[in-house]
PDB file of N, CA and C in Angstrom:
ATOM      1  N   UNK A   1    -117.587   7.308 103.612  1.00  0.00           N
ATOM      2  CA  UNK A   1    -118.959   7.347 102.773  1.00  0.00           C
ATOM      3  C   UNK A   1    -119.621   7.976 103.880  1.00  0.00           C
ATOM      4  N   UNK A   2    -121.125   8.328 102.992  1.00  0.00           N
ATOM      5  CA  UNK A   2    -121.981   9.564 103.441  1.00  0.00           C
ATOM      6  C   UNK A   2    -122.896   8.547 104.536  1.00  0.00           C
ATOM      7  N   UNK A   3    -123.448   9.319 105.506  1.00  0.00           N
ATOM      8  CA  UNK A   3    -124.705   8.239 106.139  1.00  0.00           C
ATOM      9  C   UNK A   3    -124.239   7.016 107.270  1.00  0.00           C
ATOM     10  N   UNK A   4    -122.637   6.902 106.856  1.00  0.00           N
ATOM     11  CA  UNK A   4    -122.079   5.881 107.977  1.00  0.00           C
ATOM     12  C   UNK A   4    -122.111   6.117 109.543  1.00  0.00           C
ATOM     13  N   UNK A   5    -122.910   5.691 110.048  1.00  0.00           N
ATOM     14  CA  UNK A   5    -123.381   5.698 112.442  1.00  0.00           C
ATOM     15  C   UNK A   5    -122.165   5.446 112.466  1.00  0.00           C
ATOM     16  N   UNK A   6    -121.345   3.905 112.688  1.00  0.00           N
ATOM     17  CA  UNK A   6    -121.032   3.570 113.552  1.00  0.00           C
ATOM     18  C   UNK A   6    -120.223   2.327 112.185  1.00  0.00           C
ATOM     19  N   UNK A   7    -118.973   1.874 113.024  1.00  0.00           N
ATOM     20  CA  UNK A   7    -117.988   0.847 112.953  1.00  0.00           C
ATOM     21  C   UNK A   7    -117.652   0.295 113.956  1.00  0.00           C
ATOM     22  N   UNK A   8    -117.811  -1.105 113.978  1.00  0.00           N
ATOM     23  CA  UNK A   8    -117.302  -2.041 114.844  1.00  0.00           C
ATOM     24  C   UNK A   8    -116.288  -3.500 114.160  1.00  0.00           C
ATOM     25  N   UNK A   9    -115.362  -3.139 114.000  1.00  0.00           N
ATOM     26  CA  UNK A   9    -114.331  -3.569 113.530  1.00  0.00           C
ATOM     27  C   UNK A   9    -114.602  -5.245 114.176  1.00  0.00           C
ATOM     28  N   UNK A  10    -114.609  -6.095 113.954  1.00  0.00           N
ATOM     29  CA  UNK A  10    -115.105  -7.497 114.294  1.00  0.00           C
ATOM     30  C   UNK A  10    -113.759  -8.649 114.454  1.00  0.00           C
ATOM     31  N   UNK A  11    -112.581  -7.967 113.089  1.00  0.00           N
ATOM     32  CA  UNK A  11    -111.690  -8.742 113.341  1.00  0.00           C
ATOM     33  C   UNK A  11    -110.386  -8.020 114.220  1.00  0.00           C
ATOM     34  N   UNK A  12    -109.222  -8.397 114.422  1.00  0.00           N
ATOM     35  CA  UNK A  12    -108.073  -7.412 115.224  1.00  0.00           C
ATOM     36  C   UNK A  12    -107.759  -7.091 114.248  1.00  0.00           C
ATOM     37  N   UNK A  13    -107.638  -5.151 114.640  1.00  0.00           N
ATOM     38  CA  UNK A  13    -106.972  -4.024 114.103  1.00  0.00           C
ATOM     39  C   UNK A  13    -106.059  -3.454 115.409  1.00  0.00           C
ATOM     40  N   UNK A  14    -104.811  -3.811 114.712  1.00  0.00           N
ATOM     41  CA  UNK A  14    -103.919  -2.955 115.895  1.00  0.00           C
ATOM     42  C   UNK A  14    -103.441  -1.963 114.969  1.00  0.00           C
ATOM     43  N   UNK A  15    -103.039  -1.953 113.981  1.00  0.00           N
ATOM     44  CA  UNK A  15    -102.980  -0.646 113.347  1.00  0.00           C
ATOM     45  C   UNK A  15    -103.663  -0.304 112.089  1.00  0.00           C
ATOM     46  N   UNK A  16    -103.792   1.361 111.365  1.00  0.00           N
ATOM     47  CA  UNK A  16    -104.925   1.081 110.980  1.00  0.00           C
ATOM     48  C   UNK A  16    -104.611   0.524 109.556  1.00  0.00           C
ATOM     49  N   UNK A  17    -103.386  -0.048 108.808  1.00  0.00           N
ATOM     50  CA  UNK A  17    -103.052  -0.594 108.367  1.00  0.00           C
ATOM     51  C   UNK A  17    -103.819  -1.851 107.959  1.00  0.00           C
ATOM     52  N   UNK A  18    -103.960  -2.808 109.502  1.00  0.00           N
ATOM     53  CA  UNK A  18    -104.860  -4.490 109.581  1.00  0.00           C
ATOM     54  C   UNK A  18    -106.549  -3.669 108.756  1.00  0.00           C
ATOM     55  N   UNK A  19    -106.584  -2.278 108.796  1.00  0.00           N
ATOM     56  CA  UNK A  19    -108.110  -2.423 108.542  1.00  0.00           C
ATOM     57  C   UNK A  19    -108.141  -2.742 106.780  1.00  0.00           C
ATOM     58  N   UNK A  20    -107.298  -2.455 106.010  1.00  0.00           N
ATOM     59  CA  UNK A  20    -107.416  -2.989 104.830  1.00  0.00           C
ATOM     60  C   UNK A  20    -106.639  -4.455 104.300  1.00  0.00           C
ATOM     61  N   UNK A  21    -106.812  -5.163 105.464  1.00  0.00           N
ATOM     62  CA  UNK A  21    -105.855  -6.831 104.491  1.00  0.00           C
ATOM     63  C   UNK A  21    -106.634  -7.522 104.381  1.00  0.00           C
ATOM     64  N   UNK A  22    -106.646  -8.763 104.045  1.00  0.00           N
ATOM     65  CA  UNK A  22    -107.743  -9.453 103.733  1.00  0.00           C
ATOM     66  C   UNK A  22    -108.033 -10.586 104.891  1.00  0.00           C
ATOM     67  N   UNK A  23    -109.400 -10.522 104.836  1.00  0.00           N
ATOM     68  CA  UNK A  23    -109.836 -11.134 106.111  1.00  0.00           C
ATOM     69  C   UNK A  23    -110.674  -9.975 107.235  1.00  0.00           C
ATOM     70  N   UNK A  24    -110.216  -9.026 106.867  1.00  0.00           N
ATOM     71  CA  UNK A  24    -109.984  -7.486 108.250  1.00  0.00           C
ATOM     72  C   UNK A  24    -111.926  -7.833 108.236  1.00  0.00           C
ATOM     73  N   UNK A  25    -112.761  -7.247 109.121  1.00  0.00           N
ATOM     74  CA  UNK A  25    -114.098  -7.622 109.056  1.00  0.00           C
ATOM     75  C   UNK A  25    -114.524  -6.479 110.010  1.00  0.00           C
ATOM     76  N   UNK A  26    -115.715  -6.083 109.734  1.00  0.00           N
ATOM     77  CA  UNK A  26    -116.329  -4.768 110.825  1.00  0.00           C
ATOM     78  C   UNK A  26    -117.480  -4.937 110.980  1.00  0.00           C
ATOM     79  N   UNK A  27    -118.454  -4.806 111.294  1.00  0.00           N
ATOM     80  CA  UNK A  27    -120.376  -4.315 111.606  1.00  0.00           C
ATOM     81  C   UNK A  27    -120.092  -2.955 111.076  1.00  0.00           C
ATOM     82  N   UNK A  28    -121.286  -2.604 110.195  1.00  0.00           N
ATOM     83  CA  UNK A  28    -121.387  -1.413 110.169  1.00  0.00           C
ATOM     84  C   UNK A  28    -122.648  -0.751 110.094  1.00  0.00           C
ATOM     85  N   UNK A  29    -122.728   0.730 111.036  1.00  0.00           N
ATOM     86  CA  UNK A  29    -124.780   0.859 111.127  1.00  0.00           C
ATOM     87  C   UNK A  29    -124.364   1.980 109.881  1.00  0.00           C
ATOM     88  N   UNK A  30    -125.774   2.635 109.455  1.00  0.00           N
ATOM     89  CA  UNK A  30    -125.813   3.862 108.128  1.00  0.00           C
ATOM     90  C   UNK A  30    -127.078   3.641 108.630  1.00  0.00           C
ATOM     91  N   UNK A  31    -127.194   5.055 107.831  1.00  0.00           N
ATOM     92  CA  UNK A  31    -128.872   5.671 107.918  1.00  0.00           C
ATOM     93  C   UNK A  31    -129.768   4.305 106.959  1.00  0.00           C
ATOM     94  N   UNK A  32    -129.050   3.518 106.389  1.00  0.00           N
ATOM     95  CA  UNK A  32    -130.740   2.971 105.908  1.00  0.00           C
ATOM     96  C   UNK A  32    -130.388   1.001 106.662  1.00  0.00           C
ATOM     97  N   UNK A  33    -130.002   0.972 107.506  1.00  0.00           N
ATOM     98  CA  UNK A  33    -129.761  -0.199 107.945  1.00  0.00           C
ATOM     99  C   UNK A  33    -128.081  -0.755 108.673  1.00  0.00           C
ATOM    100  N   UNK A  34    -127.848  -1.967 108.864  1.00  0.00           N
ATOM    101  CA  UNK A  34    -127.016  -2.288 109.184  1.00  0.00           C
ATOM    102  C   UNK A  34    -126.221  -3.706 108.301  1.00  0.00           C
ATOM    103  N   UNK A  35    -124.840  -3.988 108.006  1.00  0.00           N
ATOM    104  CA  UNK A  35    -124.529  -4.932 107.612  1.00  0.00           C
ATOM    105  C   UNK A  35    -123.129  -5.353 107.698  1.00  0.00           C
ATOM    106  N   UNK A  36    -122.228  -6.569 107.171  1.00  0.00           N
ATOM    107  CA  UNK A  36    -120.934  -7.228 107.758  1.00  0.00           C
ATOM    108  C   UNK A  36    -120.237  -6.784 106.434  1.00  0.00           C
ATOM    109  N   UNK A  37    -119.305  -6.402 106.558  1.00  0.00           N
ATOM    110  CA  UNK A  37    -118.492  -6.358 105.551  1.00  0.00           C
ATOM    111  C   UNK A  37    -116.871  -7.065 105.956  1.00  0.00           C
ATOM    112  N   UNK A  38    -116.854  -7.640 104.843  1.00  0.00           N
ATOM    113  CA  UNK A  38    -115.164  -8.472 105.291  1.00  0.00           C
ATOM    114  C   UNK A  38    -114.406  -7.869 103.497  1.00  0.00           C
ATOM    115  N   UNK A  39    -112.771  -7.359 103.603  1.00  0.00           N
ATOM    116  CA  UNK A  39    -111.820  -7.105 102.872  1.00  0.00           C
ATOM    117  C   UNK A  39    -111.480  -8.637 102.453  1.00  0.00           C
ATOM    118  N   UNK A  40    -111.799  -8.750 101.162  1.00  0.00           N
ATOM    119  CA  UNK A  40    -111.333  -9.997 100.356  1.00  0.00           C
ATOM    120  C   UNK A  40    -110.484 -10.222  99.224  1.00  0.00           C
ATOM    121  N   UNK A  41    -109.383  -8.652  98.880  1.00  0.00           N
ATOM    122  CA  UNK A  41    -108.589  -8.294  98.539  1.00  0.00           C
ATOM    123  C   UNK A  41    -108.118  -7.252  98.359  1.00  0.00           C
ATOM    124  N   UNK A  42    -106.144  -7.136  98.861  1.00  0.00           N
ATOM    125  CA  UNK A  42    -105.655  -6.049  99.014  1.00  0.00           C
ATOM    126  C   UNK A  42    -104.455  -5.471  98.714  1.00  0.00           C
ATOM    127  N   UNK A  43    -104.435  -4.960  97.340  1.00  0.00           N
ATOM    128  CA  UNK A  43    -103.189  -4.439  96.690  1.00  0.00           C
ATOM    129  C   UNK A  43    -102.822  -2.882  97.375  1.00  0.00           C
ATOM    130  N   UNK A  44    -101.849  -2.496  98.422  1.00  0.00           N
ATOM    131  CA  UNK A  44    -101.431  -1.135  98.765  1.00  0.00           C
ATOM    132  C   UNK A  44    -101.369  -0.592  97.195  1.00  0.00           C
ATOM    133  N   UNK A  45    -102.244   0.462  97.256  1.00  0.00           N
ATOM    134  CA  UNK A  45    -102.502   1.691  96.213  1.00  0.00           C
ATOM    135  C   UNK A  45    -102.734   0.535  95.524  1.00  0.00           C
ATOM    136  N   UNK A  46    -103.393  -0.313  94.804  1.00  0.00           N
ATOM    137  CA  UNK A  46    -103.413  -0.444  93.610  1.00  0.00           C
ATOM    138  C   UNK A  46    -105.047  -0.833  93.842  1.00  0.00           C
ATOM    139  N   UNK A  47    -105.210  -1.898  94.368  1.00  0.00           N
ATOM    140  CA  UNK A  47    -107.170  -2.729  94.996  1.00  0.00           C
ATOM    141  C   UNK A  47    -107.456  -2.618  95.853  1.00  0.00           C
ATOM    142  N   UNK A  48    -108.247  -2.640  96.260  1.00  0.00           N
ATOM    143  CA  UNK A  48    -109.417  -3.207  97.695  1.00  0.00           C
ATOM    144  C   UNK A  48    -110.484  -4.004  97.111  1.00  0.00           C
ATOM    145  N   UNK A  49    -111.005  -4.786  96.963  1.00  0.00           N
ATOM    146  CA  UNK A  49    -112.517  -5.605  97.446  1.00  0.00           C
ATOM    147  C   UNK A  49    -112.799  -6.660  98.349  1.00  0.00           C
ATOM    148  N   UNK A  50    -114.154  -5.908  98.653  1.00  0.00           N
ATOM    149  CA  UNK A  50    -114.597  -6.165 100.145  1.00  0.00           C
ATOM    150  C   UNK A  50    -116.152  -7.020  99.617  1.00  0.00           C
ATOM    151  N   UNK A  51    -116.576  -7.548 100.381  1.00  0.00           N
ATOM    152  CA  UNK A  51    -117.894  -8.712 100.196  1.00  0.00           C
ATOM    153  C   UNK A  51    -118.268  -7.695 101.470  1.00  0.00           C
ATOM    154  N   UNK A  52    -119.863  -7.756 100.931  1.00  0.00           N
ATOM    155  CA  UNK A  52    -120.525  -7.569 102.310  1.00  0.00           C
ATOM    156  C   UNK A  52    -122.024  -7.601 102.545  1.00  0.00           C
ATOM    157  N   UNK A  53    -122.513  -7.881 103.465  1.00  0.00           N
ATOM    158  CA  UNK A  53    -123.555  -9.020 103.616  1.00  0.00           C
ATOM    159  C   UNK A  53    -124.670  -7.894 104.792  1.00  0.00           C
ATOM    160  N   UNK A  54    -126.103  -8.368 103.919  1.00  0.00           N
ATOM    161  CA  UNK A  54    -126.983  -7.742 104.965  1.00  0.00           C
ATOM    162  C   UNK A  54    -126.943  -6.101 103.927  1.00  0.00           C
ATOM    163  N   UNK A  55    -126.774  -5.852 102.844  1.00  0.00           N
ATOM    164  CA  UNK A  55    -126.909  -4.092 102.687  1.00  0.00           C
ATOM    165  C   UNK A  55    -127.946  -4.381 102.174  1.00  0.00           C
ATOM    166  N   UNK A  56    -128.687  -2.888 102.474  1.00  0.00           N
ATOM    167  CA  UNK A  56    -129.915  -2.606 101.843  1.00  0.00           C
ATOM    168  C   UNK A  56    -130.936  -3.553 100.948  1.00  0.00           C
ATOM    169  N   UNK A  57    -131.031  -4.548 101.479  1.00  0.00           N
ATOM    170  CA  UNK A  57    -131.620  -5.595 101.142  1.00  0.00           C
ATOM    171  C   UNK A  57    -131.340  -6.567  99.978  1.00  0.00           C
ATOM    172  N   UNK A  58    -130.023  -6.734 100.008  1.00  0.00           N
ATOM    173  CA  UNK A  58    -129.190  -7.582  98.919  1.00  0.00           C
ATOM    174  C   UNK A  58    -128.734  -8.951  99.600  1.00  0.00           C
ATOM    175  N   UNK A  59    -128.420 -10.217  99.127  1.00  0.00           N
ATOM    176  CA  UNK A  59    -127.655 -11.488  99.322  1.00  0.00           C
ATOM    177  C   UNK A  59    -126.610 -10.873 100.016  1.00  0.00           C
ATOM    178  N   UNK A  60    -126.288 -10.707  98.625  1.00  0.00           N
ATOM    179  CA  UNK A  60    -124.645 -10.150  99.098  1.00  0.00           C
ATOM    180  C   UNK A  60    -124.088  -8.904  97.974  1.00  0.00           C
ATOM    181  N   UNK A  61    -123.602  -8.758  98.273  1.00  0.00           N
ATOM    182  CA  UNK A  61    -122.804  -7.050  97.714  1.00  0.00           C
ATOM    183  C   UNK A  61    -120.915  -6.988  96.971  1.00  0.00           C
ATOM    184  N   UNK A  62    -120.614  -7.055  96.290  1.00  0.00           N
ATOM    185  CA  UNK A  62    -119.097  -6.974  96.312  1.00  0.00           C
ATOM    186  C   UNK A  62    -118.920  -6.193  95.523  1.00  0.00           C
ATOM    187  N   UNK A  63    -118.045  -5.412  96.284  1.00  0.00           N
ATOM    188  CA  UNK A  63    -117.521  -4.088  95.766  1.00  0.00           C
ATOM    189  C   UNK A  63    -116.028  -3.880  95.504  1.00  0.00           C
ATOM    190  N   UNK A  64    -115.497  -3.225  94.514  1.00  0.00           N
ATOM    191  CA  UNK A  64    -114.002  -3.168  93.997  1.00  0.00           C
ATOM    192  C   UNK A  64    -113.273  -2.290  93.734  1.00  0.00           C
ATOM    193  N   UNK A  65    -112.353  -1.513  94.119  1.00  0.00           N
ATOM    194  CA  UNK A  65    -111.770  -0.098  93.840  1.00  0.00           C
ATOM    195  C   UNK A  65    -110.921  -0.426  93.176  1.00  0.00           C
ATOM    196  N   UNK A  66    -109.819   0.267  92.413  1.00  0.00           N
ATOM    197  CA  UNK A  66    -108.702  -0.330  91.538  1.00  0.00           C
ATOM    198  C   UNK A  66    -108.263   1.165  91.338  1.00  0.00           C
ATOM    199  N   UNK A  67    -106.971   1.618  91.436  1.00  0.00           N
ATOM    200  CA  UNK A  67    -106.300   2.889  91.523  1.00  0.00           C
ATOM    201  C   UNK A  67    -105.000   2.630  90.377  1.00  0.00           C
ATOM    202  N   UNK A  68    -105.296   3.255  89.188  1.00  0.00           N
ATOM    203  CA  UNK A  68    -104.124   3.368  88.364  1.00  0.00           C
ATOM    204  C   UNK A  68    -103.744   4.721  88.331  1.00  0.00           C
ATOM    205  N   UNK A  69    -102.438   4.757  88.399  1.00  0.00           N
ATOM    206  CA  UNK A  69    -101.358   6.468  88.324  1.00  0.00           C
ATOM    207  C   UNK A  69    -101.673   6.686  86.574  1.00  0.00           C
ATOM    208  N   UNK A  70    -101.882   8.157  86.209  1.00  0.00           N
ATOM    209  CA  UNK A  70    -101.944   8.409  85.063  1.00  0.00           C
ATOM    210  C   UNK A  70    -100.739  10.005  85.101  1.00  0.00           C
ATOM    211  N   UNK A  71    -100.899  10.437  84.043  1.00  0.00           N
ATOM    212  CA  UNK A  71     -99.986  11.701  83.774  1.00  0.00           C
ATOM    213  C   UNK A  71    -100.584  12.606  84.933  1.00  0.00           C
ATOM    214  N   UNK A  72    -101.314  12.893  84.796  1.00  0.00           N
ATOM    215  CA  UNK A  72    -102.885  13.837  85.182  1.00  0.00           C
ATOM    216  C   UNK A  72    -103.075  13.824  86.904  1.00  0.00           C
ATOM    217  N   UNK A  73    -102.702  12.270  87.588  1.00  0.00           N
ATOM    218  CA  UNK A  73    -102.926  11.974  88.042  1.00  0.00           C
ATOM    219  C   UNK A  73    -103.186  10.404  89.008  1.00  0.00           C
ATOM    220  N   UNK A  74    -104.396  10.114  89.253  1.00  0.00           N
ATOM    221  CA  UNK A  74    -104.932   8.957  89.475  1.00  0.00           C
ATOM    222  C   UNK A  74    -106.143   8.441  89.561  1.00  0.00           C
ATOM    223  N   UNK A  75    -106.306   7.567  88.358  1.00  0.00           N
ATOM    224  CA  UNK A  75    -107.886   7.391  87.781  1.00  0.00           C
ATOM    225  C   UNK A  75    -108.078   6.342  88.887  1.00  0.00           C
ATOM    226  N   UNK A  76    -109.271   6.716  89.170  1.00  0.00           N
ATOM    227  CA  UNK A  76    -109.881   5.635  90.070  1.00  0.00           C
ATOM    228  C   UNK A  76    -111.140   4.602  89.489  1.00  0.00           C
ATOM    229  N   UNK A  77    -111.443   3.749  89.482  1.00  0.00           N
ATOM    230  CA  UNK A  77    -112.476   2.639  89.263  1.00  0.00           C
ATOM    231  C   UNK A  77    -113.102   2.200  90.457  1.00  0.00           C
ATOM    232  N   UNK A  78    -114.389   1.623  90.163  1.00  0.00           N
ATOM    233  CA  UNK A  78    -115.273   1.648  91.345  1.00  0.00           C
ATOM    234  C   UNK A  78    -116.353   0.441  90.973  1.00  0.00           C
ATOM    235  N   UNK A  79    -116.115  -1.137  90.612  1.00  0.00           N
ATOM    236  CA  UNK A  79    -117.180  -1.786  90.128  1.00  0.00           C
ATOM    237  C   UNK A  79    -117.897  -2.445  92.012  1.00  0.00           C
ATOM    238  N   UNK A  80    -119.409  -2.566  91.540  1.00  0.00           N
ATOM    239  CA  UNK A  80    -120.408  -3.435  92.324  1.00  0.00           C
ATOM    240  C   UNK A  80    -120.894  -4.287  91.808  1.00  0.00           C
ATOM    241  N   UNK A  81    -121.241  -5.537  92.168  1.00  0.00           N
ATOM    242  CA  UNK A  81    -122.112  -5.910  91.924  1.00  0.00           C
ATOM    243  C   UNK A  81    -122.826  -6.714  93.294  1.00  0.00           C
ATOM    244  N   UNK A  82    -124.477  -6.775  92.903  1.00  0.00           N
ATOM    245  CA  UNK A  82    -125.220  -7.348  94.023  1.00  0.00           C
ATOM    246  C   UNK A  82    -126.169  -8.062  93.297  1.00  0.00           C
ATOM    247  N   UNK A  83    -126.646  -8.927  94.643  1.00  0.00           N
ATOM    248  CA  UNK A  83    -127.770  -9.878  94.207  1.00  0.00           C
ATOM    249  C   UNK A  83    -128.928  -9.407  95.570  1.00  0.00           C
ATOM    250  N   UNK A  84    -130.234  -9.212  94.845  1.00  0.00           N
ATOM    251  CA  UNK A  84    -131.021  -8.526  95.838  1.00  0.00           C
ATOM    252  C   UNK A  84    -131.931 -10.095  96.178  1.00  0.00           C
ATOM    253  N   UNK A  85    -132.927 -10.042  96.864  1.00  0.00           N
ATOM    254  CA  UNK A  85    -133.729 -11.216  97.711  1.00  0.00           C
ATOM    255  C   UNK A  85    -134.977 -11.404  97.249  1.00  0.00           C
ATOM    256  N   UNK A  86    -135.624 -10.661  97.083  1.00  0.00           N
ATOM    257  CA  UNK A  86    -136.832 -10.783  96.562  1.00  0.00           C
ATOM    258  C   UNK A  86    -137.058  -9.921  95.240  1.00  0.00           C
ATOM    259  N   UNK A  87    -138.330  -9.826  95.135  1.00  0.00           N
ATOM    260  CA  UNK A  87    -139.001  -8.870  93.884  1.00  0.00           C
ATOM    261  C   UNK A  87    -139.059  -7.506  94.372  1.00  0.00           C
ATOM    262  N   UNK A  88    -139.661  -7.087  95.222  1.00  0.00           N
ATOM    263  CA  UNK A  88    -139.636  -5.862  95.267  1.00  0.00           C
ATOM    264  C   UNK A  88    -138.542  -5.421  95.735  1.00  0.00           C
ATOM    265  N   UNK A  89    -137.460  -5.932  96.172  1.00  0.00           N
ATOM    266  CA  UNK A  89    -136.033  -5.298  96.793  1.00  0.00           C
ATOM    267  C   UNK A  89    -135.759  -4.998  94.700  1.00  0.00           C
ATOM    268  N   UNK A  90    -135.953  -6.474  94.345  1.00  0.00           N
ATOM    269  CA  UNK A  90    -134.927  -5.720  92.527  1.00  0.00           C
ATOM    270  C   UNK A  90    -135.800  -4.805  91.865  1.00  0.00           C
ATOM    271  N   UNK A  91    -137.244  -4.578  91.724  1.00  0.00           N
ATOM    272  CA  UNK A  91    -137.832  -3.495  91.827  1.00  0.00           C
ATOM    273  C   UNK A  91    -136.855  -1.932  92.272  1.00  0.00           C
ATOM    274  N   UNK A  92    -136.943  -1.628  93.374  1.00  0.00           N
ATOM    275  CA  UNK A  92    -135.990  -0.838  94.197  1.00  0.00           C
ATOM    276  C   UNK A  92    -134.854  -0.647  93.807  1.00  0.00           C
ATOM    277  N   UNK A  93    -133.849  -1.599  93.426  1.00  0.00           N
ATOM    278  CA  UNK A  93    -133.012  -1.892  93.084  1.00  0.00           C
ATOM    279  C   UNK A  93    -133.087  -0.991  92.003  1.00  0.00           C
ATOM    280  N   UNK A  94    -133.583  -1.550  91.220  1.00  0.00           N
ATOM    281  CA  UNK A  94    -133.590  -1.023  90.005  1.00  0.00           C
ATOM    282  C   UNK A  94    -133.990   0.658  89.699  1.00  0.00           C
ATOM    283  N   UNK A  95    -135.293   0.959  90.183  1.00  0.00           N
ATOM    284  CA  UNK A  95    -135.861   2.432  90.662  1.00  0.00           C
ATOM    285  C   UNK A  95    -134.509   3.074  91.427  1.00  0.00           C
ATOM    286  N   UNK A  96    -134.181   2.618  92.153  1.00  0.00           N
ATOM    287  CA  UNK A  96    -133.591   3.984  93.695  1.00  0.00           C
ATOM    288  C   UNK A  96    -131.939   3.176  93.911  1.00  0.00           C
ATOM    289  N   UNK A  97    -131.699   2.056  93.754  1.00  0.00           N
ATOM    290  CA  UNK A  97    -130.317   2.074  94.953  1.00  0.00           C
ATOM    291  C   UNK A  97    -129.542   1.899  93.636  1.00  0.00           C
ATOM    292  N   UNK A  98    -129.731   2.034  92.598  1.00  0.00           N
ATOM    293  CA  UNK A  98    -128.300   2.406  91.654  1.00  0.00           C
ATOM    294  C   UNK A  98    -127.743   4.152  91.545  1.00  0.00           C
ATOM    295  N   UNK A  99    -129.113   4.831  91.330  1.00  0.00           N
ATOM    296  CA  UNK A  99    -128.423   6.039  91.447  1.00  0.00           C
ATOM    297  C   UNK A  99    -128.089   6.191  93.341  1.00  0.00           C
ATOM    298  N   UNK A 100    -128.807   5.799  94.360  1.00  0.00           N
ATOM    299  CA  UNK A 100    -128.584   6.213  95.458  1.00  0.00           C
ATOM    300  C   UNK A 100    -126.987   5.955  95.598  1.00  0.00           C
ATOM    301  N   UNK A 101    -126.724   4.985  95.189  1.00  0.00           N
ATOM    302  CA  UNK A 101    -125.115   4.258  95.262  1.00  0.00           C
ATOM    303  C   UNK A 101    -123.979   5.384  94.131  1.00  0.00           C
ATOM    304  N   UNK A 102    -124.092   5.634  93.459  1.00  0.00           N
ATOM    305  CA  UNK A 102    -123.648   6.744  92.241  1.00  0.00           C
ATOM    306  C   UNK A 102    -123.410   7.871  92.938  1.00  0.00           C
ATOM    307  N   UNK A 103    -124.801   8.557  93.574  1.00  0.00           N
ATOM    308  CA  UNK A 103    -124.680   9.849  94.550  1.00  0.00           C
ATOM    309  C   UNK A 103    -123.839   9.838  95.912  1.00  0.00           C
ATOM    310  N   UNK A 104    -124.016   8.426  96.840  1.00  0.00           N
ATOM    311  CA  UNK A 104    -122.578   7.703  97.672  1.00  0.00           C
ATOM    312  C   UNK A 104    -121.367   7.589  97.061  1.00  0.00           C
ATOM    313  N   UNK A 105    -121.106   7.280  95.983  1.00  0.00           N
ATOM    314  CA  UNK A 105    -119.943   6.959  95.765  1.00  0.00           C
ATOM    315  C   UNK A 105    -119.586   8.503  95.307  1.00  0.00           C
ATOM    316  N   UNK A 106    -120.274   9.634  94.307  1.00  0.00           N
ATOM    317  CA  UNK A 106    -119.149  10.415  93.880  1.00  0.00           C
ATOM    318  C   UNK A 106    -119.220  11.474  95.084  1.00  0.00           C
ATOM    319  N   UNK A 107    -119.780  11.631  96.366  1.00  0.00           N
ATOM    320  CA  UNK A 107    -119.760  12.437  97.344  1.00  0.00           C
ATOM    321  C   UNK A 107    -118.791  11.802  98.148  1.00  0.00           C
ATOM    322  N   UNK A 108    -118.408  10.701  98.395  1.00  0.00           N
ATOM    323  CA  UNK A 108    -116.957   9.708  98.486  1.00  0.00           C
ATOM    324  C   UNK A 108    -115.751  10.017  98.127  1.00  0.00           C
ATOM    325  N   UNK A 109    -116.289  10.112  96.828  1.00  0.00           N
ATOM    326  CA  UNK A 109    -114.814  10.810  95.413  1.00  0.00           C
ATOM    327  C   UNK A 109    -114.418  11.890  96.074  1.00  0.00           C
ATOM    328  N   UNK A 110    -115.341  13.168  96.338  1.00  0.00           N
ATOM    329  CA  UNK A 110    -115.302  14.327  96.193  1.00  0.00           C
ATOM    330  C   UNK A 110    -114.703  14.227  97.922  1.00  0.00           C
ATOM    331  N   UNK A 111    -114.851  13.708  99.057  1.00  0.00           N
ATOM    332  CA  UNK A 111    -114.484  13.983 100.133  1.00  0.00           C
ATOM    333  C   UNK A 111    -112.865  13.142 100.252  1.00  0.00           C
ATOM    334  N   UNK A 112    -112.375  12.029  99.422  1.00  0.00           N
ATOM    335  CA  UNK A 112    -111.611  11.515  99.199  1.00  0.00           C
ATOM    336  C   UNK A 112    -110.080  12.475  98.371  1.00  0.00           C
ATOM    337  N   UNK A 113    -110.607  13.024  97.697  1.00  0.00           N
ATOM    338  CA  UNK A 113    -110.407  13.740  96.748  1.00  0.00           C
ATOM    339  C   UNK A 113    -109.540  14.970  97.450  1.00  0.00           C
ATOM    340  N   UNK A 114    -110.844  15.557  98.538  1.00  0.00           N
ATOM    341  CA  UNK A 114    -109.908  16.948  99.414  1.00  0.00           C
ATOM    342  C   UNK A 114    -109.088  17.073 100.623  1.00  0.00           C
ATOM    343  N   UNK A 115    -109.787  15.671 100.717  1.00  0.00           N
ATOM    344  CA  UNK A 115    -108.442  14.876 101.705  1.00  0.00           C
ATOM    345  C   UNK A 115    -106.346  14.687 101.170  1.00  0.00           C
ATOM    346  N   UNK A 116    -106.893  13.869 100.190  1.00  0.00           N
ATOM    347  CA  UNK A 116    -105.359  13.505  99.552  1.00  0.00           C
ATOM    348  C   UNK A 116    -104.734  14.997  99.108  1.00  0.00           C
ATOM    349  N   UNK A 117    -105.625  16.008  98.388  1.00  0.00           N
ATOM    350  CA  UNK A 117    -105.410  17.309  97.967  1.00  0.00           C
ATOM    351  C   UNK A 117    -105.106  19.111  99.363  1.00  0.00           C
ATOM    352  N   UNK A 118    -105.339  17.768 100.563  1.00  0.00           N
ATOM    353  CA  UNK A 118    -104.385  18.954 101.995  1.00  0.00           C
ATOM    354  C   UNK A 118    -103.234  19.120 102.029  1.00  0.00           C
TER     355      UNK A 118
END
């Protein structure tokens, strides 16, 4: 994703695959702040779900990517659920956060596609 400045794994990571196993966790810093992330569901080449604490004023954030093979390639679906902590953040979330997340996801999808097509 765009804007990520650092990721420090807080769980044991011995292989690249360990980053995507259930229970894997990390502390992430990005241009808008810091947060803690944990993988809560992981089905190789099918689905990954994660929870985030402290992301952009939210009490919790849960995101899930699902991959589905199609005749034309792979369909990727992203679902996010979040709860913000106070009224000001609720208003800001409605006005700005949703659009910012959509923009971030679009850019991340373009980056992933370019990597996979090489």
